[in-house]
Structures are given as structure tokens and as C-alpha cells.
């Protein structure tokens, strides 16, 4: 079952593309359209939600233990490293 069917136009002597090339073309076009629509101009998440999701993605085990202990997540530096809170 597919959610959508798409067609990648091929000109010239090309009869088919391998899966990785076809995927790259589709992702590139999706990113191009999203850029053109201004969807990457700013985050659609508020800063606190962005920080929470980033921490849970980057440090899942620490996030899990902090959450179970009822403790706040530590602050992350600009480069994504944990700033110790001691």
C-alpha cells in the first residue's frame, strides 16, 4: 500500500534509476520546494520545545533518566554539548 505514487521524468538514454538515485532526486526536490515556500526561514517550534526535542534526540538515555527522576534537562551549548549543571 502506497500513500502516493510519483514519477521521476527521465530524458535521453536513461531507462531507469537505482533506488538510491531516485530517492536522492525526490528528497532534493522536496527540499527545494520547501525552501521556495519559506518553510526553512525560521523554526515553527517555540524555543523551549525545540530544546526539549533536540535533547531527547541527541541524548536519549540521559533524557530518559532525567525524566524518570523528575529533573530538568541540562542546557546545551551552541554546538550541542551538555553544559554541566553542578
N, C-alpha and C. Protein backbone atom coordinates (compact mmCIF):
# COMPACT_ATOMS: atom_id res chain seq x y z
N UNK A 1 0.84 -1.17 0.00
CA UNK A 1 0.00 0.00 0.00
C UNK A 1 0.89 1.24 0.00
N UNK A 2 0.71 2.12 -0.96
CA UNK A 2 1.48 3.36 -1.05
C UNK A 2 0.58 4.55 -0.75
N UNK A 3 1.15 5.54 -0.06
CA UNK A 3 0.39 6.77 0.21
C UNK A 3 0.30 7.63 -1.05
N UNK A 4 1.36 7.64 -1.81
CA UNK A 4 1.42 8.44 -3.03
C UNK A 4 2.25 7.70 -4.08
N UNK A 5 1.96 7.95 -5.31
CA UNK A 5 2.79 7.47 -6.41
C UNK A 5 3.36 8.70 -7.09
N UNK A 6 4.65 8.66 -7.40
CA UNK A 6 5.27 9.77 -8.11
C UNK A 6 6.03 9.23 -9.30
N UNK A 7 6.31 10.12 -10.23
CA UNK A 7 7.05 9.73 -11.41
C UNK A 7 8.25 10.65 -11.54
N UNK A 8 9.42 10.09 -11.75
CA UNK A 8 10.63 10.86 -11.99
C UNK A 8 10.86 10.87 -13.49
N UNK A 9 10.71 12.04 -14.14
CA UNK A 9 10.90 12.07 -15.59
C UNK A 9 12.37 11.81 -15.94
N UNK A 10 12.58 11.00 -16.96
CA UNK A 10 13.93 10.67 -17.40
C UNK A 10 14.02 10.94 -18.90
N UNK A 11 14.99 11.75 -19.26
CA UNK A 11 15.19 12.10 -20.66
C UNK A 11 16.47 11.47 -21.17
N UNK A 12 16.53 11.27 -22.45
CA UNK A 12 17.74 10.72 -23.05
C UNK A 12 17.75 9.21 -23.04
N UNK A 13 18.93 8.63 -22.84
CA UNK A 13 19.10 7.19 -22.96
C UNK A 13 18.85 6.45 -21.64
N UNK A 14 18.51 7.15 -20.59
CA UNK A 14 18.29 6.51 -19.29
C UNK A 14 16.95 5.79 -19.29
N UNK A 15 16.95 4.52 -18.90
CA UNK A 15 15.71 3.74 -18.84
C UNK A 15 15.21 3.58 -17.42
N UNK A 16 16.13 3.63 -16.46
CA UNK A 16 15.72 3.50 -15.06
C UNK A 16 16.80 4.08 -14.16
N UNK A 17 16.41 4.38 -12.94
CA UNK A 17 17.35 4.86 -11.93
C UNK A 17 17.36 3.87 -10.78
N UNK A 18 18.52 3.71 -10.14
CA UNK A 18 18.51 2.83 -8.98
C UNK A 18 17.80 3.53 -7.82
N UNK A 19 17.47 2.78 -6.81
CA UNK A 19 16.66 3.31 -5.71
C UNK A 19 17.34 4.49 -5.02
N UNK A 20 18.64 4.41 -4.80
CA UNK A 20 19.32 5.49 -4.09
C UNK A 20 19.32 6.78 -4.90
N UNK A 21 19.50 6.70 -6.20
CA UNK A 21 19.48 7.89 -7.04
C UNK A 21 18.08 8.48 -7.10
N UNK A 22 17.08 7.65 -7.27
CA UNK A 22 15.69 8.13 -7.31
C UNK A 22 15.32 8.79 -5.98
N UNK A 23 15.74 8.20 -4.86
CA UNK A 23 15.46 8.77 -3.55
C UNK A 23 16.13 10.13 -3.40
N UNK A 24 17.38 10.23 -3.82
CA UNK A 24 18.11 11.49 -3.73
C UNK A 24 17.41 12.58 -4.54
N UNK A 25 16.97 12.25 -5.74
CA UNK A 25 16.26 13.23 -6.57
C UNK A 25 14.97 13.70 -5.90
N UNK A 26 14.23 12.78 -5.35
CA UNK A 26 12.95 13.12 -4.70
C UNK A 26 13.19 13.99 -3.47
N UNK A 27 14.16 13.62 -2.64
CA UNK A 27 14.46 14.42 -1.44
C UNK A 27 14.97 15.81 -1.80
N UNK A 28 15.80 15.89 -2.84
CA UNK A 28 16.29 17.19 -3.29
C UNK A 28 15.14 18.08 -3.73
N UNK A 29 14.23 17.53 -4.51
CA UNK A 29 13.09 18.31 -5.00
C UNK A 29 12.18 18.72 -3.85
N UNK A 30 11.96 17.84 -2.89
CA UNK A 30 11.13 18.19 -1.73
C UNK A 30 11.77 19.34 -0.94
N UNK A 31 13.08 19.27 -0.72
CA UNK A 31 13.78 20.33 0.00
C UNK A 31 13.74 21.64 -0.79
N UNK A 32 13.89 21.56 -2.10
CA UNK A 32 13.83 22.76 -2.94
C UNK A 32 12.47 23.44 -2.82
N UNK A 33 11.41 22.64 -2.90
CA UNK A 33 10.06 23.21 -2.80
C UNK A 33 9.81 23.80 -1.42
N UNK A 34 10.29 23.15 -0.38
CA UNK A 34 10.10 23.67 0.98
C UNK A 34 10.90 24.96 1.18
N UNK A 35 12.09 25.04 0.61
CA UNK A 35 12.89 26.26 0.69
C UNK A 35 12.19 27.40 -0.03
N UNK A 36 11.70 27.11 -1.22
CA UNK A 36 11.00 28.11 -2.02
C UNK A 36 9.75 28.61 -1.30
N UNK A 37 9.09 27.75 -0.55
CA UNK A 37 7.88 28.13 0.18
C UNK A 37 8.20 28.84 1.50
N UNK A 38 9.49 28.96 1.84
CA UNK A 38 9.89 29.65 3.06
C UNK A 38 9.75 28.83 4.33
N UNK A 39 9.64 27.52 4.20
CA UNK A 39 9.44 26.68 5.38
C UNK A 39 10.69 26.50 6.22
N UNK A 40 11.86 26.88 5.70
CA UNK A 40 13.09 26.76 6.47
C UNK A 40 13.58 28.11 6.99
N UNK A 41 12.81 29.18 6.78
CA UNK A 41 13.24 30.51 7.19
C UNK A 41 13.34 30.65 8.71
N UNK A 42 12.45 30.01 9.42
CA UNK A 42 12.50 30.04 10.88
C UNK A 42 11.85 28.78 11.42
N UNK A 43 12.18 28.47 12.66
CA UNK A 43 11.63 27.27 13.29
C UNK A 43 10.15 27.47 13.58
N UNK A 44 9.38 26.44 13.36
CA UNK A 44 7.95 26.51 13.67
C UNK A 44 7.68 26.03 15.09
N UNK A 45 8.72 25.60 15.79
CA UNK A 45 8.59 25.20 17.19
C UNK A 45 9.04 26.35 18.08
N UNK A 46 8.39 26.49 19.24
CA UNK A 46 8.88 27.51 20.17
C UNK A 46 10.24 27.03 20.70
N UNK A 47 11.09 27.96 21.13
CA UNK A 47 12.46 27.60 21.53
C UNK A 47 12.54 26.51 22.60
N UNK A 48 11.64 26.52 23.57
CA UNK A 48 11.68 25.51 24.63
C UNK A 48 11.37 24.12 24.09
N UNK A 49 10.37 24.03 23.21
CA UNK A 49 10.02 22.74 22.61
C UNK A 49 11.16 22.24 21.73
N UNK A 50 11.79 23.15 20.98
CA UNK A 50 12.93 22.79 20.15
C UNK A 50 14.05 22.21 21.00
N UNK A 51 14.40 22.89 22.11
CA UNK A 51 15.46 22.43 23.00
C UNK A 51 15.12 21.06 23.60
N UNK A 52 13.87 20.86 24.01
CA UNK A 52 13.46 19.58 24.58
C UNK A 52 13.62 18.46 23.57
N UNK A 53 13.10 18.67 22.37
CA UNK A 53 13.20 17.63 21.33
C UNK A 53 14.64 17.35 20.95
N UNK A 54 15.44 18.40 20.84
CA UNK A 54 16.85 18.22 20.49
C UNK A 54 17.56 17.39 21.56
N UNK A 55 17.31 17.70 22.83
CA UNK A 55 17.97 16.95 23.90
C UNK A 55 17.53 15.49 23.89
N UNK A 56 16.24 15.24 23.73
CA UNK A 56 15.74 13.87 23.73
C UNK A 56 16.27 13.07 22.54
N UNK A 57 16.49 13.73 21.42
CA UNK A 57 17.04 13.06 20.25
C UNK A 57 18.54 12.81 20.41
N UNK A 58 19.26 13.82 20.90
CA UNK A 58 20.72 13.72 20.98
C UNK A 58 21.20 12.88 22.16
N UNK A 59 20.44 12.90 23.25
CA UNK A 59 20.87 12.21 24.47
C UNK A 59 19.71 11.39 25.05
N UNK A 60 19.25 10.37 24.33
CA UNK A 60 18.05 9.64 24.78
C UNK A 60 18.19 8.98 26.15
N UNK A 61 19.34 8.42 26.47
CA UNK A 61 19.46 7.74 27.77
C UNK A 61 19.47 8.74 28.92
N UNK A 62 20.16 9.86 28.75
CA UNK A 62 20.17 10.88 29.80
C UNK A 62 18.78 11.50 29.93
N UNK A 63 18.12 11.74 28.80
CA UNK A 63 16.76 12.30 28.84
C UNK A 63 15.82 11.37 29.58
N UNK A 64 15.93 10.09 29.31
CA UNK A 64 15.06 9.11 29.97
C UNK A 64 15.28 9.09 31.48
N UNK A 65 16.55 9.08 31.90
CA UNK A 65 16.82 9.04 33.34
C UNK A 65 16.41 10.34 34.02
N UNK A 66 16.67 11.48 33.38
CA UNK A 66 16.25 12.76 33.96
C UNK A 66 14.73 12.84 34.07
N UNK A 67 14.05 12.37 33.03
CA UNK A 67 12.58 12.42 33.03
C UNK A 67 12.02 11.54 34.14
N UNK A 68 12.56 10.33 34.30
CA UNK A 68 12.05 9.42 35.34
C UNK A 68 12.34 9.94 36.75
N UNK A 69 13.41 10.72 36.89
CA UNK A 69 13.76 11.32 38.18
C UNK A 69 13.03 12.64 38.43
N UNK A 70 12.32 13.13 37.41
CA UNK A 70 11.62 14.41 37.54
C UNK A 70 12.55 15.61 37.52
N UNK A 71 13.72 15.43 36.92
CA UNK A 71 14.72 16.50 36.86
C UNK A 71 14.70 17.16 35.49
N UNK A 72 15.03 18.44 35.46
CA UNK A 72 15.09 19.18 34.20
C UNK A 72 16.29 18.70 33.38
N UNK A 73 16.18 18.86 32.07
CA UNK A 73 17.31 18.54 31.20
C UNK A 73 18.37 19.62 31.35
N UNK A 74 19.65 19.23 31.25
CA UNK A 74 20.69 20.26 31.29
C UNK A 74 20.67 21.10 30.01
N UNK A 75 21.26 22.26 30.11
CA UNK A 75 21.34 23.17 28.96
C UNK A 75 22.37 22.64 27.97
N UNK A 76 22.11 22.88 26.69
CA UNK A 76 23.05 22.50 25.64
C UNK A 76 23.77 23.74 25.12
N UNK A 77 25.05 23.56 24.77
CA UNK A 77 25.81 24.65 24.17
C UNK A 77 25.38 24.83 22.72
N UNK A 78 25.90 25.86 22.07
CA UNK A 78 25.59 26.11 20.66
C UNK A 78 25.97 24.91 19.79
N UNK A 79 27.02 24.17 20.19
CA UNK A 79 27.46 23.01 19.41
C UNK A 79 26.75 21.73 19.82
N UNK A 80 25.80 21.82 20.77
CA UNK A 80 25.02 20.66 21.17
C UNK A 80 25.60 19.84 22.30
N UNK A 81 26.64 20.35 22.94
CA UNK A 81 27.25 19.64 24.06
C UNK A 81 26.54 20.03 25.36
N UNK A 82 26.48 19.09 26.30
CA UNK A 82 25.83 19.35 27.58
C UNK A 82 26.69 20.31 28.40
N UNK A 83 26.04 21.35 28.93
CA UNK A 83 26.70 22.26 29.85
C UNK A 83 26.39 21.74 31.26
N UNK A 84 27.41 21.28 31.99
CA UNK A 84 27.16 20.70 33.32
C UNK A 84 26.40 21.66 34.22
N UNK A 85 25.48 21.12 35.00
CA UNK A 85 24.67 21.95 35.89
C UNK A 85 25.04 21.76 37.36
N UNK A 86 26.31 21.48 37.62
CA UNK A 86 26.71 21.32 39.02
C UNK A 86 27.46 22.52 39.50
